[in-house]
Amino acid sequence: MHQGNCIGFSSVGCSPTGDRVVSYTGLLRDGKMETTWFVVADKTLSAGKEGEPATLKPTNWWRPVSTNIDTFERVK
């Protein structure tokens, strides 16, 4: 979705390591998108100790959040 130069979009999906959501919010100007993005993961792989098989475990809500900023530029 966008309004003027402001743009935002999200996507969700699942994988063998759990569900994920990603969201981008930023500006789209002159073929360049400058965004702040974040990813939230529902679960993480964790083993009790070295050598044991890892299993999926839910995490506290704040732990699986990653955020960053990026610039994407259209290549001509």
Foldseek 3Di string as FASTA:
>chain_A
DDDAQWDKDKDWDADPQAIKIKMWTAGADPQKTKTKMKMAGQWGWDDPDPPGGTDTDGDDRVVRMDIDIDMDGDDD
